[in-house]
């Protein structure tokens, strides 16, 4: 059976981590072999260094991010550490017979950097080096729900993030899913494309509504 790469991206509070975990659980429970990757874990170490350096230098993190030395350092990290670990991890999982559910992907990094007015360092090269997902979902949720669940973010921040994710989804032809719908509808919308990628209609359809809701 074909081994696929399934990625879930989206705004803060849209439920991407929840639904990534749900996909991992439901697909494995239905007899598939899926592994789980949390993409943010590969970016956090260097992001922490940048934030700590900004604090030491008494400058705003976004200002430091936009400085050429920082972008060069990001590029080196992304090409020599992030990319080999992510691409190698996905490839090894496929070799061992596992498909992959990835909580966030390069698309989320693109939105994060575009929020500061820049692109991901070495973005075009990374797009060529990293595995192209078989299915990529971009999740969205109503602004008011996000603000309730993530009060640390302002309305302006969420609205801008929504625009950036919509632009990335349109540019790369990613599937947009609204998590404001009931869980069963969200899952069924995702299931259509997962089933097509896996090419095994019968097994996936055995996932019951109760599994999705619970």
Protein backbone atom coordinates (compact mmCIF):
# COMPACT_ATOMS: atom_id res chain seq x y z
CA UNK A 1 0.00 0.00 0.00
CA UNK A 2 1.17 3.51 -0.77
CA UNK A 3 2.82 5.40 2.09
CA UNK A 4 1.67 9.01 2.30
CA UNK A 5 2.65 12.26 3.96
CA UNK A 6 -0.34 14.06 5.50
CA UNK A 7 0.19 17.56 6.93
CA UNK A 8 -2.11 19.82 8.94
CA UNK A 9 -1.53 23.55 9.12
CA UNK A 10 -3.60 26.52 10.22
CA UNK A 11 -4.10 29.52 12.43
CA UNK A 12 -3.57 29.50 16.18
CA UNK A 13 -6.57 27.92 17.86
CA UNK A 14 -7.91 26.28 14.70
CA UNK A 15 -7.44 22.76 16.07
CA UNK A 16 -4.57 21.57 13.89
CA UNK A 17 -2.76 19.71 16.69
CA UNK A 18 -6.02 18.20 17.96
CA UNK A 19 -6.99 17.03 14.49
CA UNK A 20 -3.48 15.80 13.69
CA UNK A 21 -3.65 13.62 16.79
CA UNK A 22 -7.17 12.50 15.87
CA UNK A 23 -6.02 11.52 12.36
CA UNK A 24 -3.09 9.58 13.80
CA UNK A 25 -5.31 7.72 16.26
CA UNK A 26 -8.22 6.97 13.92
CA UNK A 27 -6.09 5.84 10.99
CA UNK A 28 -3.95 3.57 13.14
CA UNK A 29 -7.05 2.23 14.87
CA UNK A 30 -8.49 1.33 11.47
CA UNK A 31 -5.49 -0.82 10.57
CA UNK A 32 -3.10 1.62 8.91
CA UNK A 33 0.47 2.22 10.03
CA UNK A 34 0.92 5.93 10.69
CA UNK A 35 3.72 7.75 12.49
CA UNK A 36 3.41 11.22 14.03
CA UNK A 37 5.78 14.18 13.64
CA UNK A 38 5.47 17.50 15.46
CA UNK A 39 7.09 19.92 13.03
CA UNK A 40 7.42 22.76 15.53
CA UNK A 41 9.87 20.71 17.60
CA UNK A 42 12.40 21.12 14.78
CA UNK A 43 12.08 24.92 14.70
CA UNK A 44 11.83 25.69 18.42
CA UNK A 45 15.53 25.17 19.32
CA UNK A 46 16.84 27.84 16.98
CA UNK A 47 13.84 30.07 17.60
CA UNK A 48 14.67 29.95 21.31
CA UNK A 49 18.25 31.03 20.55
CA UNK A 50 17.00 33.99 18.51
CA UNK A 51 14.59 35.10 21.24
CA UNK A 52 17.21 34.75 23.96
CA UNK A 53 19.75 36.69 21.87
CA UNK A 54 17.17 39.45 21.34
CA UNK A 55 16.66 39.68 25.10
CA UNK A 56 20.41 39.90 25.74
CA UNK A 57 20.84 42.59 23.07
CA UNK A 58 17.70 44.45 24.26
CA UNK A 59 16.10 44.46 20.81
CA UNK A 60 12.71 43.32 19.60
CA UNK A 61 12.77 39.69 18.37
CA UNK A 62 11.12 40.66 15.07
CA UNK A 63 13.78 43.29 14.47
CA UNK A 64 16.53 40.77 15.13
CA UNK A 65 14.80 38.23 12.86
CA UNK A 66 14.96 40.69 9.97
CA UNK A 67 18.68 41.38 10.32
CA UNK A 68 20.87 39.78 7.65
CA UNK A 69 23.17 37.87 10.08
CA UNK A 70 20.11 36.27 11.69
CA UNK A 71 18.63 35.30 8.34
CA UNK A 72 21.94 33.77 7.27
CA UNK A 73 22.07 31.82 10.54
CA UNK A 74 18.47 30.69 10.03
CA UNK A 75 19.33 29.55 6.50
CA UNK A 76 22.28 27.48 7.76
CA UNK A 77 20.14 25.91 10.49
CA UNK A 78 17.27 25.13 8.12
CA UNK A 79 19.46 23.59 5.43
CA UNK A 80 21.94 21.68 7.61
CA UNK A 81 19.84 20.61 10.60
CA UNK A 82 16.10 21.12 10.11
CA UNK A 83 15.83 19.84 6.53
CA UNK A 84 17.95 16.66 6.92
CA UNK A 85 16.14 15.67 10.14
CA UNK A 86 12.65 16.29 8.73
CA UNK A 87 13.23 14.82 5.27
CA UNK A 88 15.26 11.92 6.67
CA UNK A 89 12.67 11.19 9.34
CA UNK A 90 9.85 11.05 6.80
CA UNK A 91 11.88 8.87 4.40
CA UNK A 92 12.91 6.41 7.12
CA UNK A 93 9.33 6.07 8.32
CA UNK A 94 8.21 5.29 4.77
CA UNK A 95 11.00 2.71 4.41
CA UNK A 96 9.79 1.01 7.60
CA UNK A 97 6.26 0.89 6.20
CA UNK A 98 4.71 3.90 7.93
CA UNK A 99 2.75 6.77 6.50
CA UNK A 100 3.22 10.10 8.31
CA UNK A 101 0.89 12.60 9.96
CA UNK A 102 2.75 15.89 10.44
CA UNK A 103 1.41 18.49 12.88
CA UNK A 104 2.37 21.67 10.97
CA UNK A 105 4.82 21.83 8.08
CA UNK A 106 6.93 24.30 6.12
CA UNK A 107 3.73 26.15 5.20
CA UNK A 108 3.33 27.25 8.83
CA UNK A 109 6.90 28.53 8.90
CA UNK A 110 6.11 30.52 5.77
CA UNK A 111 3.21 32.22 7.51
CA UNK A 112 5.34 32.91 10.59
CA UNK A 113 8.06 34.62 8.59
CA UNK A 114 5.61 36.48 6.36
CA UNK A 115 4.04 37.91 9.50
CA UNK A 116 7.30 39.87 9.95
CA UNK A 117 7.37 40.90 6.29
CA UNK A 118 9.96 38.33 5.19
CA UNK A 119 10.05 34.92 3.52
CA UNK A 120 11.58 31.79 5.03
CA UNK A 121 15.37 31.90 4.46
CA UNK A 122 16.26 29.62 1.51
CA UNK A 123 12.53 29.00 1.02
CA UNK A 124 12.71 27.96 -2.64
CA UNK A 125 15.52 25.49 -1.94
CA UNK A 126 13.69 24.02 1.04
CA UNK A 127 10.60 23.50 -1.08
CA UNK A 128 12.68 21.42 -3.49
CA UNK A 129 14.47 19.45 -0.78
CA UNK A 130 11.57 18.59 1.54
CA UNK A 131 9.08 15.84 0.63
CA UNK A 132 5.97 17.16 -1.06
CA UNK A 133 2.93 16.17 1.04
CA UNK A 134 0.37 13.90 -0.58
CA UNK A 135 -2.35 15.77 1.31
CA UNK A 136 -2.11 19.13 3.08
CA UNK A 137 -5.00 20.52 5.06
CA UNK A 138 -5.16 24.15 6.20
CA UNK A 139 -7.56 24.44 9.12
CA UNK A 140 -9.52 27.55 10.00
CA UNK A 141 -11.92 28.58 12.76
CA UNK A 142 -14.12 31.59 13.53
CA UNK A 143 -12.20 34.57 14.86
CA UNK A 144 -14.28 34.83 18.04
CA UNK A 145 -13.65 31.21 18.98
CA UNK A 146 -9.91 31.66 18.49
CA UNK A 147 -9.87 34.80 20.64
CA UNK A 148 -11.68 32.96 23.45
CA UNK A 149 -9.32 30.00 23.33
CA UNK A 150 -6.20 32.08 22.70
CA UNK A 151 -6.71 35.36 24.62
CA UNK A 152 -2.98 36.16 24.33
CA UNK A 153 -3.54 37.06 20.66
CA UNK A 154 -5.24 40.21 19.39
CA UNK A 155 -7.97 40.37 16.79
CA UNK A 156 -5.59 42.12 14.39
CA UNK A 157 -3.03 39.32 14.79
CA UNK A 158 -5.60 36.59 14.08
CA UNK A 159 -7.08 38.42 11.08
CA UNK A 160 -3.63 38.92 9.56
CA UNK A 161 -2.75 35.27 10.19
CA UNK A 162 -5.96 34.16 8.50
CA UNK A 163 -5.10 36.23 5.42
CA UNK A 164 -1.58 34.79 5.27
CA UNK A 165 -2.80 31.21 5.56
CA UNK A 166 -5.39 31.82 2.86
CA UNK A 167 -2.68 33.17 0.56
CA UNK A 168 -0.39 30.19 1.22
CA UNK A 169 -3.28 27.74 0.71
CA UNK A 170 -4.22 29.33 -2.59
CA UNK A 171 -0.60 29.53 -3.82
CA UNK A 172 0.17 25.87 -3.09
CA UNK A 173 -3.34 24.57 -3.79
CA UNK A 174 -3.83 23.24 -0.25
CA UNK A 175 -7.17 21.97 1.04
CA UNK A 176 -8.94 24.36 3.42
CA UNK A 177 -11.05 22.86 6.22
CA UNK A 178 -13.30 24.76 8.63
CA UNK A 179 -13.20 23.34 12.16
CA UNK A 180 -16.33 25.28 13.07
CA UNK A 181 -18.28 22.32 11.64
CA UNK A 182 -19.16 19.31 13.83
CA UNK A 183 -16.28 16.80 14.29
CA UNK A 184 -17.96 14.21 12.08
CA UNK A 185 -18.22 16.66 9.17
CA UNK A 186 -14.62 17.84 9.63
CA UNK A 187 -13.43 14.23 9.58
CA UNK A 188 -15.56 13.28 6.56
CA UNK A 189 -14.22 16.27 4.61
CA UNK A 190 -10.68 15.16 5.38
CA UNK A 191 -11.49 11.50 4.79
CA UNK A 192 -12.41 12.06 1.16
CA UNK A 193 -8.86 13.13 0.29
CA UNK A 194 -7.14 10.69 2.67
CA UNK A 195 -9.08 7.81 1.11
CA UNK A 196 -8.13 8.93 -2.39
CA UNK A 197 -4.43 9.18 -1.48
CA UNK A 198 -4.36 5.80 0.26
CA UNK A 199 -6.32 4.08 -2.49
CA UNK A 200 -8.05 1.81 0.03
CA UNK A 201 -11.65 2.89 0.39
CA UNK A 202 -12.97 -0.03 2.40
CA UNK A 203 -10.66 0.11 5.41
CA UNK A 204 -10.99 3.84 5.99
CA UNK A 205 -14.76 3.70 5.83
CA UNK A 206 -14.75 1.31 8.80
CA UNK A 207 -13.96 4.28 11.07
CA UNK A 208 -17.20 4.88 12.93
CA UNK A 209 -18.87 8.15 13.85
CA UNK A 210 -18.48 7.30 17.54
CA UNK A 211 -14.69 7.08 17.10
CA UNK A 212 -14.63 10.53 15.54
CA UNK A 213 -16.74 12.14 18.25
CA UNK A 214 -15.01 10.48 21.23
